[in-house]
Amino acid sequence: MTAYDLYGLKGKAILEVKSKIEEKLSFSFEARESIYQGGRYYRFGDKESESFVLKSNTDPFDGEPVEQKFSSYPVLLYVDATLRSEEIKSLLGTEFYLLRHEFFD
């Protein structure tokens, strides 16, 4: 089954988190800019398969958390359309908190 996971991280700057993820998962994020994503964010993968989006949990328009339920996590990692959810969770380690785990066909 295809999983969509959301991870949160506390107490780290987004560039530090970016470096940790790149090291643990052996890929390099691409820096991007989008109002929809809250300004500068980082992406790996494409819309047709597994992809990763790393961004701040702050809405640029009102300053509120993008993910209200997880407001205590300033940095978010979205893992979309993955078939290896457990493997990614294991590779990321315990400092990355799995906040949401959903399945879609």
C-alpha atoms as a PDB file:
ATOM      1  CA  MET A   1       0.000   0.000   0.000  1.00  0.00           C
ATOM      2  CA  THR A   2       1.046   3.564  -0.649  1.00  0.00           C
ATOM      3  CA  ALA A   3       1.704   5.582   2.499  1.00  0.00           C
ATOM      4  CA  TYR A   4       1.697   9.309   3.159  1.00  0.00           C
ATOM      5  CA  ASP A   5       3.671  10.189   6.276  1.00  0.00           C
ATOM      6  CA  LEU A   6       4.324  13.403   8.139  1.00  0.00           C
ATOM      7  CA  TYR A   7       7.299  13.809  10.454  1.00  0.00           C
ATOM      8  CA  GLY A   8       8.072  16.648  12.826  1.00  0.00           C
ATOM      9  CA  LEU A   9      11.289  17.742  14.415  1.00  0.00           C
ATOM     10  CA  LYS A  10      11.824  19.961  17.444  1.00  0.00           C
ATOM     11  CA  GLY A  11      14.659  22.270  18.337  1.00  0.00           C
ATOM     12  CA  LYS A  12      16.570  22.261  15.051  1.00  0.00           C
ATOM     13  CA  ALA A  13      17.030  24.792  12.252  1.00  0.00           C
ATOM     14  CA  ILE A  14      15.628  23.712   8.890  1.00  0.00           C
ATOM     15  CA  LEU A  15      19.055  23.673   7.185  1.00  0.00           C
ATOM     16  CA  GLU A  16      20.414  21.392   9.906  1.00  0.00           C
ATOM     17  CA  VAL A  17      17.419  19.085   9.454  1.00  0.00           C
ATOM     18  CA  LYS A  18      17.916  19.150   5.672  1.00  0.00           C
ATOM     19  CA  SER A  19      21.519  17.990   6.063  1.00  0.00           C
ATOM     20  CA  LYS A  20      20.532  15.189   8.450  1.00  0.00           C
ATOM     21  CA  ILE A  21      17.844  13.872   6.103  1.00  0.00           C
ATOM     22  CA  GLU A  22      20.147  14.023   3.086  1.00  0.00           C
ATOM     23  CA  GLU A  23      22.770  12.056   4.995  1.00  0.00           C
ATOM     24  CA  LYS A  24      20.352   9.459   6.387  1.00  0.00           C
ATOM     25  CA  LEU A  25      18.424   8.894   3.143  1.00  0.00           C
ATOM     26  CA  SER A  26      21.307   9.413   0.676  1.00  0.00           C
ATOM     27  CA  PHE A  27      19.797  12.071  -1.564  1.00  0.00           C
ATOM     28  CA  SER A  28      19.990  15.836  -2.052  1.00  0.00           C
ATOM     29  CA  PHE A  29      17.037  18.162  -1.704  1.00  0.00           C
ATOM     30  CA  GLU A  30      16.373  20.850  -4.277  1.00  0.00           C
ATOM     31  CA  ALA A  31      15.686  24.312  -2.833  1.00  0.00           C
ATOM     32  CA  ARG A  32      12.459  25.846  -4.099  1.00  0.00           C
ATOM     33  CA  GLU A  33      10.303  28.887  -3.467  1.00  0.00           C
ATOM     34  CA  SER A  34       6.503  28.858  -3.257  1.00  0.00           C
ATOM     35  CA  ILE A  35       3.894  30.932  -1.503  1.00  0.00           C
ATOM     36  CA  TYR A  36       1.770  27.771  -1.244  1.00  0.00           C
ATOM     37  CA  GLN A  37       4.577  25.985   0.637  1.00  0.00           C
ATOM     38  CA  GLY A  38       5.306  28.954   2.890  1.00  0.00           C
ATOM     39  CA  GLY A  39       8.250  30.481   1.068  1.00  0.00           C
ATOM     40  CA  ARG A  40      11.537  28.583   0.824  1.00  0.00           C
ATOM     41  CA  TYR A  41      11.192  24.825   1.082  1.00  0.00           C
ATOM     42  CA  TYR A  42      13.082  21.739  -0.042  1.00  0.00           C
ATOM     43  CA  ARG A  43      11.923  18.929  -2.324  1.00  0.00           C
ATOM     44  CA  PHE A  44      13.179  15.597  -3.567  1.00  0.00           C
ATOM     45  CA  GLY A  45      11.309  13.360  -6.000  1.00  0.00           C
ATOM     46  CA  ASP A  46       8.434  14.062  -8.333  1.00  0.00           C
ATOM     47  CA  LYS A  47       4.652  14.082  -8.279  1.00  0.00           C
ATOM     48  CA  GLU A  48       4.431  10.722 -10.075  1.00  0.00           C
ATOM     49  CA  SER A  49       6.270   8.712  -7.395  1.00  0.00           C
ATOM     50  CA  GLU A  50       7.738   8.873  -3.903  1.00  0.00           C
ATOM     51  CA  SER A  51       8.587  12.437  -2.908  1.00  0.00           C
ATOM     52  CA  PHE A  52       9.796  14.381   0.107  1.00  0.00           C
ATOM     53  CA  VAL A  53       8.991  17.967   1.093  1.00  0.00           C
ATOM     54  CA  LEU A  54      10.791  19.691   3.960  1.00  0.00           C
ATOM     55  CA  LYS A  55       9.397  22.997   5.171  1.00  0.00           C
ATOM     56  CA  SER A  56       8.750  25.225   8.148  1.00  0.00           C
ATOM     57  CA  ASN A  57       5.494  24.810  10.009  1.00  0.00           C
ATOM     58  CA  THR A  58       4.637  28.492   9.666  1.00  0.00           C
ATOM     59  CA  ASP A  59       2.039  30.023   7.373  1.00  0.00           C
ATOM     60  CA  PRO A  60       3.645  33.105   5.772  1.00  0.00           C
ATOM     61  CA  PHE A  61       0.344  34.999   5.664  1.00  0.00           C
ATOM     62  CA  ASP A  62      -0.791  34.790   9.276  1.00  0.00           C
ATOM     63  CA  GLY A  63       2.219  33.342  11.115  1.00  0.00           C
ATOM     64  CA  GLU A  64       0.122  30.436  12.396  1.00  0.00           C
ATOM     65  CA  PRO A  65       1.272  26.799  12.141  1.00  0.00           C
ATOM     66  CA  VAL A  66       0.442  25.125   8.814  1.00  0.00           C
ATOM     67  CA  GLU A  67      -0.256  21.912  10.725  1.00  0.00           C
ATOM     68  CA  GLN A  68      -2.315  23.230  13.652  1.00  0.00           C
ATOM     69  CA  LYS A  69      -2.463  19.838  15.400  1.00  0.00           C
ATOM     70  CA  PHE A  70       1.323  19.742  15.462  1.00  0.00           C
ATOM     71  CA  SER A  71       2.116  23.350  16.337  1.00  0.00           C
ATOM     72  CA  SER A  72       4.984  22.361  18.657  1.00  0.00           C
ATOM     73  CA  TYR A  73       6.974  21.042  15.676  1.00  0.00           C
ATOM     74  CA  PRO A  74       8.637  23.933  13.801  1.00  0.00           C
ATOM     75  CA  VAL A  75      10.039  21.748  10.988  1.00  0.00           C
ATOM     76  CA  LEU A  76       7.947  19.297   8.951  1.00  0.00           C
ATOM     77  CA  LEU A  77       8.903  16.503   6.572  1.00  0.00           C
ATOM     78  CA  TYR A  78       6.202  15.156   4.253  1.00  0.00           C
ATOM     79  CA  VAL A  79       6.891  11.744   2.711  1.00  0.00           C
ATOM     80  CA  ASP A  80       4.347  11.194  -0.052  1.00  0.00           C
ATOM     81  CA  ALA A  81       3.471   8.115  -2.095  1.00  0.00           C
ATOM     82  CA  THR A  82       6.008   5.825  -0.458  1.00  0.00           C
ATOM     83  CA  LEU A  83       6.007   2.048  -0.505  1.00  0.00           C
ATOM     84  CA  ARG A  84       8.771   1.933   2.107  1.00  0.00           C
ATOM     85  CA  SER A  85       7.305   3.783   5.063  1.00  0.00           C
ATOM     86  CA  GLU A  86       8.854   1.524   7.728  1.00  0.00           C
ATOM     87  CA  GLU A  87      12.288   1.643   6.095  1.00  0.00           C
ATOM     88  CA  ILE A  88      12.244   5.452   5.977  1.00  0.00           C
ATOM     89  CA  LYS A  89      11.094   5.645   9.595  1.00  0.00           C
ATOM     90  CA  SER A  90      13.972   3.389  10.626  1.00  0.00           C
ATOM     91  CA  LEU A  91      16.546   5.353   8.582  1.00  0.00           C
ATOM     92  CA  LEU A  92      15.418   8.701   9.982  1.00  0.00           C
ATOM     93  CA  GLY A  93      15.792   7.552  13.579  1.00  0.00           C
ATOM     94  CA  THR A  94      14.148   8.584  16.815  1.00  0.00           C
ATOM     95  CA  GLU A  95      14.644  12.362  16.654  1.00  0.00           C
ATOM     96  CA  PHE A  96      12.120  12.473  13.792  1.00  0.00           C
ATOM     97  CA  TYR A  97       8.599  12.076  15.225  1.00  0.00           C
ATOM     98  CA  LEU A  98       6.025  10.324  13.043  1.00  0.00           C
ATOM     99  CA  LEU A  99       3.022  12.634  13.405  1.00  0.00           C
ATOM    100  CA  ARG A 100       0.690  11.158  10.789  1.00  0.00           C
ATOM    101  CA  HIS A 101       0.652   7.888   8.846  1.00  0.00           C
ATOM    102  CA  GLU A 102      -2.059   7.396   6.210  1.00  0.00           C
ATOM    103  CA  PHE A 103      -2.639   4.855   3.460  1.00  0.00           C
ATOM    104  CA  PHE A 104      -4.226   5.441   0.062  1.00  0.00           C
ATOM    105  CA  ASP A 105      -4.610   3.153  -2.929  1.00  0.00           C
END
